[in-house]
């Protein structure tokens, strides 16, 4: 017999899979079947489909966050490590599916959209901004607006590549490490002290 917590997790996994495949149009019936539970079990844990979607959205956003290593290190090496991990999460099939699933629902879930941004892309900007602010204070980067610099770097890392993947265009022939190194080098040149 499944525990209530186990059922909740199965419902979340099934809902995540269903929403990623079919978007918000996924039915609660399908989600319940995928989870191997009764429809009433879904509603026991999540009072509405909107509530279930919001919970799935929050969990999906956690999957694209990347930690920045703290402590003394060479700036370029730290940025390259971060950039490789960030691109791997955001541009992978799961990251693209998450983007495709969440963006169309922004008008429907305005408060959720703000929370998802704050906990996902906004958190990435905040963490990277702090990292870059320290590099600016230490004189390793030109003193500038660290939040702007963080947004610029994140945009450079995924902007056009995400658009290509959304439209099913083949990725660049350039190797991932080389592309990331080139991007980080361009960023550092723009913010050189």
N, C-alpha and C. Protein backbone atom coordinates (compact mmCIF):
# COMPACT_ATOMS: atom_id res chain seq x y z
N UNK A 1 0.84 -1.19 0.00
CA UNK A 1 0.00 0.00 0.00
C UNK A 1 0.89 1.25 0.00
N UNK A 2 0.54 2.21 -0.84
CA UNK A 2 1.33 3.43 -0.94
C UNK A 2 1.03 4.39 0.18
N UNK A 3 2.05 5.10 0.60
CA UNK A 3 1.86 6.12 1.64
C UNK A 3 1.31 7.39 0.99
N UNK A 4 0.66 8.24 1.77
CA UNK A 4 0.18 9.51 1.21
C UNK A 4 1.32 10.34 0.59
N UNK A 5 2.48 10.36 1.25
CA UNK A 5 3.63 11.11 0.70
C UNK A 5 4.10 10.47 -0.60
N UNK A 6 4.08 9.14 -0.65
CA UNK A 6 4.48 8.43 -1.87
C UNK A 6 3.52 8.73 -3.01
N UNK A 7 2.23 8.76 -2.69
CA UNK A 7 1.23 9.10 -3.71
C UNK A 7 1.42 10.51 -4.23
N UNK A 8 1.70 11.43 -3.33
CA UNK A 8 1.91 12.82 -3.73
C UNK A 8 3.09 12.92 -4.69
N UNK A 9 4.17 12.23 -4.37
CA UNK A 9 5.35 12.26 -5.24
C UNK A 9 5.06 11.63 -6.60
N UNK A 10 4.31 10.52 -6.61
CA UNK A 10 3.95 9.89 -7.88
C UNK A 10 3.08 10.81 -8.73
N UNK A 11 2.15 11.51 -8.08
CA UNK A 11 1.29 12.46 -8.80
C UNK A 11 2.15 13.58 -9.38
N UNK A 12 3.09 14.10 -8.59
CA UNK A 12 3.97 15.17 -9.09
C UNK A 12 4.81 14.71 -10.27
N UNK A 13 5.37 13.50 -10.18
CA UNK A 13 6.17 12.97 -11.30
C UNK A 13 5.31 12.80 -12.55
N UNK A 14 4.12 12.24 -12.38
CA UNK A 14 3.22 12.03 -13.52
C UNK A 14 2.77 13.36 -14.11
N UNK A 15 2.47 14.33 -13.25
CA UNK A 15 2.03 15.64 -13.72
C UNK A 15 3.16 16.35 -14.45
N UNK A 16 4.36 16.25 -13.92
CA UNK A 16 5.51 16.87 -14.58
C UNK A 16 5.68 16.30 -15.98
N UNK A 17 5.68 14.99 -16.09
CA UNK A 17 5.82 14.33 -17.38
C UNK A 17 4.70 14.74 -18.34
N UNK A 18 3.49 14.77 -17.84
CA UNK A 18 2.34 15.11 -18.67
C UNK A 18 2.36 16.57 -19.10
N UNK A 19 2.64 17.49 -18.17
CA UNK A 19 2.68 18.91 -18.52
C UNK A 19 3.82 19.19 -19.50
N UNK A 20 4.96 18.54 -19.31
CA UNK A 20 6.07 18.75 -20.25
C UNK A 20 5.72 18.25 -21.65
N UNK A 21 4.96 17.18 -21.72
CA UNK A 21 4.60 16.60 -23.03
C UNK A 21 3.43 17.33 -23.68
N UNK A 22 2.43 17.73 -22.88
CA UNK A 22 1.19 18.26 -23.44
C UNK A 22 0.84 19.67 -22.99
N UNK A 23 1.64 20.25 -22.12
CA UNK A 23 1.34 21.58 -21.62
C UNK A 23 0.20 21.55 -20.62
N UNK A 24 -0.36 22.73 -20.37
CA UNK A 24 -1.42 22.85 -19.37
C UNK A 24 -2.68 22.08 -19.78
N UNK A 25 -2.81 21.76 -21.05
CA UNK A 25 -3.97 21.02 -21.54
C UNK A 25 -4.04 19.59 -21.04
N UNK A 26 -3.02 19.12 -20.36
CA UNK A 26 -3.04 17.76 -19.80
C UNK A 26 -4.23 17.61 -18.87
N UNK A 27 -4.89 16.46 -18.96
CA UNK A 27 -6.06 16.26 -18.10
C UNK A 27 -5.65 15.63 -16.77
N UNK A 28 -6.43 15.90 -15.75
CA UNK A 28 -6.22 15.30 -14.44
C UNK A 28 -6.43 13.79 -14.52
N UNK A 29 -7.36 13.36 -15.36
CA UNK A 29 -7.57 11.92 -15.56
C UNK A 29 -6.29 11.24 -16.04
N UNK A 30 -5.66 11.83 -17.04
CA UNK A 30 -4.41 11.26 -17.58
C UNK A 30 -3.32 11.25 -16.51
N UNK A 31 -3.21 12.33 -15.78
CA UNK A 31 -2.19 12.43 -14.73
C UNK A 31 -2.42 11.34 -13.68
N UNK A 32 -3.68 11.15 -13.28
CA UNK A 32 -4.01 10.11 -12.29
C UNK A 32 -3.65 8.73 -12.83
N UNK A 33 -3.99 8.46 -14.09
CA UNK A 33 -3.64 7.16 -14.70
C UNK A 33 -2.13 6.95 -14.71
N UNK A 34 -1.40 7.98 -15.12
CA UNK A 34 0.07 7.88 -15.16
C UNK A 34 0.65 7.63 -13.77
N UNK A 35 0.03 8.22 -12.77
CA UNK A 35 0.52 8.07 -11.39
C UNK A 35 0.06 6.76 -10.77
N UNK A 36 -0.93 6.11 -11.39
CA UNK A 36 -1.46 4.86 -10.84
C UNK A 36 -2.31 5.10 -9.60
N UNK A 37 -3.00 6.24 -9.57
CA UNK A 37 -3.86 6.58 -8.44
C UNK A 37 -5.23 7.00 -8.97
N UNK A 38 -6.18 7.08 -8.07
CA UNK A 38 -7.51 7.56 -8.44
C UNK A 38 -7.47 9.08 -8.61
N UNK A 39 -8.37 9.59 -9.43
CA UNK A 39 -8.47 11.04 -9.64
C UNK A 39 -8.68 11.76 -8.31
N UNK A 40 -9.42 11.15 -7.41
CA UNK A 40 -9.66 11.75 -6.09
C UNK A 40 -8.37 11.91 -5.30
N UNK A 41 -7.42 11.00 -5.51
CA UNK A 41 -6.12 11.10 -4.84
C UNK A 41 -5.37 12.33 -5.31
N UNK A 42 -5.45 12.59 -6.61
CA UNK A 42 -4.81 13.80 -7.15
C UNK A 42 -5.40 15.02 -6.45
N UNK A 43 -6.72 15.08 -6.39
CA UNK A 43 -7.38 16.24 -5.78
C UNK A 43 -7.20 16.30 -4.27
N UNK A 44 -6.92 15.16 -3.66
CA UNK A 44 -6.63 15.16 -2.22
C UNK A 44 -5.34 15.93 -1.94
N UNK A 45 -4.35 15.72 -2.79
CA UNK A 45 -3.04 16.37 -2.60
C UNK A 45 -2.98 17.76 -3.22
N UNK A 46 -3.72 17.96 -4.30
CA UNK A 46 -3.72 19.23 -5.04
C UNK A 46 -5.17 19.60 -5.33
N UNK A 47 -5.73 20.59 -4.63
CA UNK A 47 -7.15 20.90 -4.73
C UNK A 47 -7.65 21.25 -6.14
N UNK A 48 -6.72 21.67 -7.02
CA UNK A 48 -7.13 22.01 -8.38
C UNK A 48 -5.98 21.72 -9.34
N UNK A 49 -6.32 21.67 -10.60
CA UNK A 49 -5.28 21.50 -11.63
C UNK A 49 -4.32 22.68 -11.60
N UNK A 50 -4.85 23.88 -11.36
CA UNK A 50 -3.99 25.07 -11.26
C UNK A 50 -2.95 24.90 -10.15
N UNK A 51 -3.39 24.40 -9.00
CA UNK A 51 -2.48 24.19 -7.86
C UNK A 51 -1.41 23.17 -8.23
N UNK A 52 -1.81 22.11 -8.90
CA UNK A 52 -0.86 21.07 -9.34
C UNK A 52 0.14 21.66 -10.33
N UNK A 53 -0.33 22.45 -11.28
CA UNK A 53 0.56 23.05 -12.27
C UNK A 53 1.56 23.98 -11.59
N UNK A 54 1.08 24.76 -10.62
CA UNK A 54 1.97 25.68 -9.90
C UNK A 54 3.07 24.91 -9.17
N UNK A 55 2.72 23.80 -8.55
CA UNK A 55 3.72 23.00 -7.83
C UNK A 55 4.74 22.41 -8.80
N UNK A 56 4.26 21.91 -9.93
CA UNK A 56 5.16 21.37 -10.96
C UNK A 56 6.09 22.47 -11.46
N UNK A 57 5.55 23.66 -11.71
CA UNK A 57 6.36 24.78 -12.20
C UNK A 57 7.47 25.12 -11.21
N UNK A 58 7.15 25.16 -9.94
CA UNK A 58 8.16 25.47 -8.91
C UNK A 58 9.28 24.42 -8.91
N UNK A 59 8.91 23.16 -9.04
CA UNK A 59 9.90 22.09 -9.05
C UNK A 59 10.76 22.14 -10.31
N UNK A 60 10.15 22.44 -11.45
CA UNK A 60 10.91 22.51 -12.71
C UNK A 60 11.96 23.61 -12.66
N UNK A 61 11.61 24.73 -12.06
CA UNK A 61 12.55 25.85 -11.99
C UNK A 61 13.78 25.48 -11.17
N UNK A 62 13.58 24.71 -10.11
CA UNK A 62 14.73 24.29 -9.29
C UNK A 62 15.73 23.50 -10.12
N UNK A 63 15.25 22.81 -11.14
CA UNK A 63 16.12 21.97 -11.95
C UNK A 63 17.09 22.72 -12.84
N UNK A 64 16.87 24.02 -13.06
CA UNK A 64 17.78 24.76 -13.92
C UNK A 64 18.73 25.67 -13.15
N UNK A 65 18.60 25.71 -11.83
CA UNK A 65 19.51 26.54 -11.05
C UNK A 65 20.89 25.90 -10.98
N UNK A 66 21.90 26.70 -11.08
CA UNK A 66 23.28 26.23 -11.04
C UNK A 66 24.01 27.02 -9.96
N UNK A 67 24.74 26.30 -9.13
CA UNK A 67 25.51 26.95 -8.07
C UNK A 67 26.79 27.56 -8.63
N UNK A 68 27.15 28.70 -8.10
CA UNK A 68 28.44 29.30 -8.41
C UNK A 68 29.40 28.96 -7.28
N UNK A 69 30.56 28.49 -7.64
CA UNK A 69 31.54 28.13 -6.61
C UNK A 69 32.05 29.40 -5.95
N UNK A 70 32.13 29.35 -4.64
CA UNK A 70 32.67 30.52 -3.94
C UNK A 70 34.10 30.23 -3.54
N UNK A 71 34.75 31.22 -3.07
CA UNK A 71 36.13 31.04 -2.65
C UNK A 71 37.10 31.52 -3.70
N UNK A 72 38.38 31.53 -3.36
CA UNK A 72 39.39 32.04 -4.31
C UNK A 72 39.54 31.10 -5.51
N UNK A 73 39.48 31.68 -6.66
CA UNK A 73 39.70 30.94 -7.90
C UNK A 73 39.93 31.93 -9.02
N UNK A 74 40.44 31.43 -10.09
CA UNK A 74 40.66 32.27 -11.26
C UNK A 74 39.30 32.59 -11.86
N UNK A 75 39.05 33.86 -12.14
CA UNK A 75 37.73 34.31 -12.59
C UNK A 75 37.27 33.58 -13.84
N UNK A 76 38.10 33.51 -14.84
CA UNK A 76 37.71 32.87 -16.11
C UNK A 76 37.31 31.41 -15.87
N UNK A 77 38.11 30.69 -15.10
CA UNK A 77 37.82 29.29 -14.84
C UNK A 77 36.48 29.12 -14.12
N UNK A 78 36.21 29.99 -13.15
CA UNK A 78 34.94 29.94 -12.43
C UNK A 78 33.76 30.23 -13.35
N UNK A 79 33.91 31.24 -14.21
CA UNK A 79 32.83 31.58 -15.14
C UNK A 79 32.60 30.47 -16.16
N UNK A 80 33.67 29.85 -16.62
CA UNK A 80 33.53 28.76 -17.60
C UNK A 80 32.82 27.57 -16.96
N UNK A 81 33.20 27.20 -15.73
CA UNK A 81 32.52 26.08 -15.05
C UNK A 81 31.02 26.37 -14.88
N UNK A 82 30.72 27.59 -14.42
CA UNK A 82 29.33 27.99 -14.25
C UNK A 82 28.60 27.94 -15.59
N UNK A 83 29.21 28.51 -16.63
CA UNK A 83 28.57 28.60 -17.94
C UNK A 83 28.27 27.22 -18.52
N UNK A 84 29.22 26.30 -18.39
CA UNK A 84 29.00 24.94 -18.90
C UNK A 84 27.82 24.27 -18.19
N UNK A 85 27.78 24.41 -16.86
CA UNK A 85 26.69 23.80 -16.09
C UNK A 85 25.35 24.47 -16.41
N UNK A 86 25.36 25.78 -16.52
CA UNK A 86 24.13 26.53 -16.80
C UNK A 86 23.57 26.14 -18.17
N UNK A 87 24.41 26.14 -19.19
CA UNK A 87 23.96 25.77 -20.53
C UNK A 87 23.47 24.33 -20.57
N UNK A 88 24.16 23.45 -19.86
CA UNK A 88 23.76 22.05 -19.86
C UNK A 88 22.34 21.89 -19.32
N UNK A 89 22.00 22.64 -18.28
CA UNK A 89 20.66 22.53 -17.69
C UNK A 89 19.61 23.26 -18.51
N UNK A 90 19.91 24.49 -18.91
CA UNK A 90 18.91 25.31 -19.58
C UNK A 90 18.66 24.86 -21.02
N UNK A 91 19.69 24.40 -21.70
CA UNK A 91 19.55 24.05 -23.11
C UNK A 91 19.31 22.56 -23.35
N UNK A 92 19.33 21.75 -22.31
CA UNK A 92 19.03 20.33 -22.45
C UNK A 92 17.55 20.16 -22.79
N UNK A 93 17.19 18.97 -23.22
CA UNK A 93 15.80 18.69 -23.60
C UNK A 93 14.84 19.06 -22.47
N UNK A 94 15.18 18.72 -21.22
CA UNK A 94 14.32 19.04 -20.08
C UNK A 94 14.19 20.55 -19.89
N UNK A 95 15.29 21.29 -20.03
CA UNK A 95 15.25 22.74 -19.88
C UNK A 95 14.40 23.40 -20.96
N UNK A 96 14.53 22.93 -22.19
CA UNK A 96 13.73 23.48 -23.30
C UNK A 96 12.25 23.12 -23.11
N UNK A 97 11.98 21.88 -22.69
CA UNK A 97 10.59 21.47 -22.43
C UNK A 97 9.98 22.31 -21.31
N UNK A 98 10.76 22.59 -20.28
CA UNK A 98 10.28 23.44 -19.18
C UNK A 98 9.93 24.82 -19.70
N UNK A 99 10.79 25.39 -20.49
CA UNK A 99 10.55 26.72 -21.07
C UNK A 99 9.28 26.71 -21.91
N UNK A 100 9.16 25.69 -22.79
CA UNK A 100 7.97 25.57 -23.65
C UNK A 100 6.69 25.42 -22.83
N UNK A 101 6.76 24.74 -21.71
CA UNK A 101 5.59 24.49 -20.88
C UNK A 101 5.18 25.73 -20.10
N UNK A 102 6.14 26.44 -19.53
CA UNK A 102 5.82 27.54 -18.63
C UNK A 102 5.47 28.84 -19.34
N UNK A 103 6.18 29.18 -20.40
CA UNK A 103 5.99 30.48 -21.04
C UNK A 103 4.56 30.70 -21.56
N UNK A 104 3.93 29.72 -22.22
CA UNK A 104 2.56 29.98 -22.71
C UNK A 104 1.54 30.22 -21.59
N UNK A 105 1.86 29.78 -20.38
CA UNK A 105 0.91 29.92 -19.27
C UNK A 105 1.11 31.20 -18.45
N UNK A 106 2.09 32.02 -18.83
CA UNK A 106 2.36 33.25 -18.08
C UNK A 106 1.12 34.15 -17.99
N UNK A 107 0.38 34.39 -19.08
CA UNK A 107 -0.81 35.25 -18.96
C UNK A 107 -1.87 34.67 -18.01
N UNK A 108 -1.96 33.37 -17.93
CA UNK A 108 -2.96 32.71 -17.08
C UNK A 108 -2.57 32.75 -15.61
N UNK A 109 -1.27 32.65 -15.33
CA UNK A 109 -0.76 32.55 -13.96
C UNK A 109 0.22 33.68 -13.69
N UNK A 110 -0.26 34.91 -13.65
CA UNK A 110 0.65 36.06 -13.51
C UNK A 110 1.46 36.03 -12.22
N UNK A 111 0.82 35.72 -11.11
CA UNK A 111 1.54 35.67 -9.83
C UNK A 111 2.55 34.54 -9.85
N UNK A 112 2.15 33.39 -10.38
CA UNK A 112 3.07 32.26 -10.49
C UNK A 112 4.25 32.62 -11.37
N UNK A 113 3.98 33.29 -12.48
CA UNK A 113 5.06 33.67 -13.40
C UNK A 113 6.11 34.51 -12.69
N UNK A 114 5.67 35.45 -11.86
CA UNK A 114 6.62 36.29 -11.12
C UNK A 114 7.43 35.45 -10.13
N UNK A 115 6.76 34.52 -9.47
CA UNK A 115 7.46 33.66 -8.51
C UNK A 115 8.43 32.73 -9.23
N UNK A 116 8.01 32.18 -10.36
CA UNK A 116 8.88 31.30 -11.13
C UNK A 116 10.11 32.06 -11.61
N UNK A 117 9.90 33.29 -12.10
CA UNK A 117 11.04 34.10 -12.52
C UNK A 117 11.97 34.36 -11.34
N UNK A 118 11.40 34.78 -10.22
CA UNK A 118 12.22 35.12 -9.04
C UNK A 118 13.04 33.92 -8.58
N UNK A 119 12.44 32.73 -8.60
CA UNK A 119 13.12 31.53 -8.11
C UNK A 119 13.99 30.85 -9.16
N UNK A 120 13.88 31.25 -10.40
CA UNK A 120 14.66 30.63 -11.47
C UNK A 120 15.64 31.62 -12.07
N UNK A 121 15.21 32.27 -13.14
CA UNK A 121 16.09 33.22 -13.83
C UNK A 121 16.51 34.37 -12.92
N UNK A 122 15.60 34.85 -12.10
CA UNK A 122 15.94 35.94 -11.19
C UNK A 122 16.98 35.53 -10.17
N UNK A 123 16.87 34.30 -9.67
CA UNK A 123 17.85 33.78 -8.71
C UNK A 123 19.22 33.61 -9.38
N UNK A 124 19.21 33.16 -10.63
CA UNK A 124 20.48 33.03 -11.37
C UNK A 124 21.14 34.40 -11.52
N UNK A 125 20.35 35.42 -11.85
CA UNK A 125 20.89 36.78 -11.98
C UNK A 125 21.43 37.24 -10.64
N UNK A 126 20.68 37.01 -9.56
CA UNK A 126 21.10 37.46 -8.23
C UNK A 126 22.43 36.82 -7.83
N UNK A 127 22.53 35.50 -8.00
CA UNK A 127 23.77 34.79 -7.60
C UNK A 127 24.95 35.21 -8.47
N UNK A 128 24.74 35.25 -9.77
CA UNK A 128 25.82 35.64 -10.67
C UNK A 128 26.21 37.09 -10.44
N UNK A 129 25.23 37.94 -10.16
CA UNK A 129 25.49 39.34 -9.88
C UNK A 129 26.42 39.50 -8.67
N UNK A 130 26.16 38.72 -7.62
CA UNK A 130 27.01 38.78 -6.44
C UNK A 130 28.43 38.34 -6.75
N UNK A 131 28.55 37.30 -7.54
CA UNK A 131 29.85 36.78 -7.95
C UNK A 131 30.62 37.83 -8.76
N UNK A 132 29.91 38.47 -9.70
CA UNK A 132 30.55 39.48 -10.55
C UNK A 132 30.86 40.75 -9.75
N UNK A 133 30.01 41.10 -8.78
CA UNK A 133 30.26 42.27 -7.95
C UNK A 133 31.57 42.11 -7.19
N UNK A 134 31.81 40.91 -6.67
CA UNK A 134 33.07 40.65 -5.96
C UNK A 134 34.25 40.80 -6.91
N UNK A 135 34.11 40.27 -8.14
CA UNK A 135 35.19 40.40 -9.12
C UNK A 135 35.42 41.87 -9.48
N UNK A 136 34.35 42.66 -9.50
CA UNK A 136 34.49 44.10 -9.79
C UNK A 136 35.19 44.80 -8.63
N UNK A 137 34.81 44.46 -7.41
CA UNK A 137 35.43 45.04 -6.23
C UNK A 137 36.91 44.69 -6.15
N UNK A 138 37.25 43.45 -6.53
CA UNK A 138 38.64 42.98 -6.51
C UNK A 138 39.47 43.53 -7.67
N UNK A 139 38.82 44.22 -8.61
CA UNK A 139 39.54 44.77 -9.76
C UNK A 139 39.75 43.78 -10.89
N UNK A 140 39.11 42.61 -10.81
CA UNK A 140 39.26 41.62 -11.88
C UNK A 140 38.32 41.90 -13.05
N UNK A 141 37.28 42.71 -12.80
CA UNK A 141 36.38 43.19 -13.84
C UNK A 141 36.20 44.69 -13.65
N UNK A 142 35.86 45.38 -14.72
CA UNK A 142 35.59 46.82 -14.66
C UNK A 142 34.42 47.07 -13.73
N UNK A 143 34.52 48.10 -12.92
CA UNK A 143 33.44 48.44 -12.00
C UNK A 143 32.24 48.92 -12.81
N UNK A 144 31.13 48.21 -12.69
CA UNK A 144 29.92 48.50 -13.46
C UNK A 144 28.74 47.96 -12.67
N UNK A 145 27.58 47.95 -13.28
CA UNK A 145 26.38 47.42 -12.65
C UNK A 145 26.44 45.88 -12.72
N UNK A 146 26.63 45.19 -11.59
CA UNK A 146 26.78 43.74 -11.62
C UNK A 146 25.52 43.00 -12.08
N UNK A 147 24.35 43.56 -11.78
CA UNK A 147 23.11 42.91 -12.23
C UNK A 147 23.00 42.97 -13.75
N UNK A 148 23.34 44.12 -14.33
CA UNK A 148 23.35 44.26 -15.79
C UNK A 148 24.36 43.28 -16.39
N UNK A 149 25.54 43.21 -15.80
CA UNK A 149 26.58 42.30 -16.31
C UNK A 149 26.11 40.85 -16.24
N UNK A 150 25.44 40.48 -15.15
CA UNK A 150 24.93 39.11 -15.00
C UNK A 150 23.88 38.81 -16.05
N UNK A 151 22.94 39.73 -16.25
CA UNK A 151 21.91 39.52 -17.27
C UNK A 151 22.52 39.41 -18.65
N UNK A 152 23.52 40.23 -18.91
CA UNK A 152 24.20 40.20 -20.21
C UNK A 152 24.88 38.85 -20.42
N UNK A 153 25.61 38.37 -19.43
CA UNK A 153 26.30 37.09 -19.57
C UNK A 153 25.31 35.95 -19.75
N UNK A 154 24.25 35.92 -18.96
CA UNK A 154 23.25 34.85 -19.09
C UNK A 154 22.61 34.88 -20.47
N UNK A 155 22.33 36.07 -20.96
CA UNK A 155 21.78 36.19 -22.31
C UNK A 155 22.75 35.68 -23.37
N UNK A 156 24.02 36.02 -23.20
CA UNK A 156 25.04 35.55 -24.14
C UNK A 156 25.15 34.03 -24.13
N UNK A 157 24.97 33.45 -22.96
CA UNK A 157 25.14 32.00 -22.82
C UNK A 157 24.03 31.19 -23.48
N UNK A 158 22.80 31.69 -23.44
CA UNK A 158 21.70 30.85 -23.94
C UNK A 158 20.81 31.49 -24.99
N UNK A 159 20.81 32.80 -25.13
CA UNK A 159 19.86 33.51 -25.98
C UNK A 159 19.56 32.87 -27.32
N UNK A 160 20.45 32.96 -28.25
CA UNK A 160 20.21 32.48 -29.61
C UNK A 160 20.16 30.96 -29.66
N UNK A 161 20.95 30.30 -28.83
CA UNK A 161 20.93 28.84 -28.82
C UNK A 161 19.58 28.31 -28.34
N UNK A 162 18.98 28.97 -27.35
CA UNK A 162 17.64 28.54 -26.89
C UNK A 162 16.63 28.73 -28.01
N UNK A 163 16.68 29.85 -28.70
CA UNK A 163 15.75 30.10 -29.81
C UNK A 163 15.91 29.02 -30.87
N UNK A 164 17.14 28.69 -31.22
CA UNK A 164 17.37 27.63 -32.21
C UNK A 164 16.74 26.31 -31.75
N UNK A 165 16.96 25.95 -30.51
CA UNK A 165 16.41 24.68 -30.00
C UNK A 165 14.89 24.71 -29.96
N UNK A 166 14.31 25.85 -29.62
CA UNK A 166 12.85 25.97 -29.60
C UNK A 166 12.26 25.74 -30.99
N UNK A 167 13.00 26.15 -32.01
CA UNK A 167 12.53 25.98 -33.38
C UNK A 167 13.08 24.73 -34.06
N UNK A 168 13.79 23.89 -33.30
CA UNK A 168 14.31 22.65 -33.84
C UNK A 168 15.47 22.81 -34.80
N UNK A 169 16.18 23.91 -34.70
CA UNK A 169 17.36 24.17 -35.54
C UNK A 169 18.56 23.49 -34.91
N UNK A 170 19.37 22.86 -35.74
CA UNK A 170 20.55 22.14 -35.24
C UNK A 170 21.47 23.07 -34.47
N UNK A 171 22.07 22.53 -33.44
CA UNK A 171 23.01 23.29 -32.62
C UNK A 171 24.25 23.63 -33.43
N UNK A 172 24.99 24.60 -32.95
CA UNK A 172 26.23 25.02 -33.58
C UNK A 172 27.19 23.84 -33.70
N UNK A 173 28.00 23.86 -34.73
CA UNK A 173 29.02 22.82 -34.92
C UNK A 173 30.18 22.98 -33.94
N UNK A 174 30.29 24.17 -33.36
CA UNK A 174 31.35 24.46 -32.40
C UNK A 174 31.15 23.59 -31.16
N UNK A 175 32.21 23.03 -30.61
CA UNK A 175 32.09 22.19 -29.41
C UNK A 175 31.59 23.05 -28.25
N UNK A 176 30.89 22.41 -27.33
CA UNK A 176 30.33 23.12 -26.19
C UNK A 176 31.40 23.84 -25.36
N UNK A 177 32.49 23.17 -24.98
CA UNK A 177 33.52 23.88 -24.20
C UNK A 177 34.12 25.06 -24.96
N UNK A 178 34.31 24.90 -26.25
CA UNK A 178 34.88 25.99 -27.05
C UNK A 178 33.91 27.16 -27.14
N UNK A 179 32.63 26.86 -27.35
CA UNK A 179 31.62 27.91 -27.45
C UNK A 179 31.52 28.68 -26.12
N UNK A 180 31.51 27.95 -25.02
CA UNK A 180 31.43 28.58 -23.70
C UNK A 180 32.67 29.43 -23.45
N UNK A 181 33.84 28.90 -23.74
CA UNK A 181 35.08 29.66 -23.53
C UNK A 181 35.07 30.94 -24.36
N UNK A 182 34.61 30.83 -25.60
CA UNK A 182 34.54 32.00 -26.48
C UNK A 182 33.58 33.04 -25.89
N UNK A 183 32.43 32.60 -25.40
CA UNK A 183 31.45 33.51 -24.81
C UNK A 183 32.01 34.19 -23.56
N UNK A 184 32.62 33.42 -22.68
CA UNK A 184 33.19 33.98 -21.46
C UNK A 184 34.31 34.97 -21.80
N UNK A 185 35.13 34.63 -22.78
CA UNK A 185 36.20 35.54 -23.18
C UNK A 185 35.64 36.86 -23.71
N UNK A 186 34.59 36.80 -24.52
CA UNK A 186 33.95 38.02 -25.02
C UNK A 186 33.39 38.84 -23.86
N UNK A 187 32.76 38.18 -22.91
CA UNK A 187 32.19 38.86 -21.75
C UNK A 187 33.31 39.54 -20.96
N UNK A 188 34.37 38.80 -20.67
CA UNK A 188 35.48 39.38 -19.88
C UNK A 188 36.13 40.55 -20.61
N UNK A 189 36.22 40.45 -21.93
CA UNK A 189 36.81 41.55 -22.69
C UNK A 189 35.93 42.80 -22.56
N UNK A 190 34.63 42.61 -22.61
CA UNK A 190 33.69 43.75 -22.49
C UNK A 190 33.78 44.40 -21.11
N UNK A 191 34.09 43.61 -20.09
CA UNK A 191 34.15 44.13 -18.72
C UNK A 191 35.57 44.16 -18.17
N UNK A 192 36.55 44.18 -19.05
CA UNK A 192 37.93 44.21 -18.54
C UNK A 192 38.20 45.51 -17.81
N UNK A 193 39.02 45.42 -16.75
CA UNK A 193 39.28 46.64 -15.94
C UNK A 193 40.12 47.65 -16.70
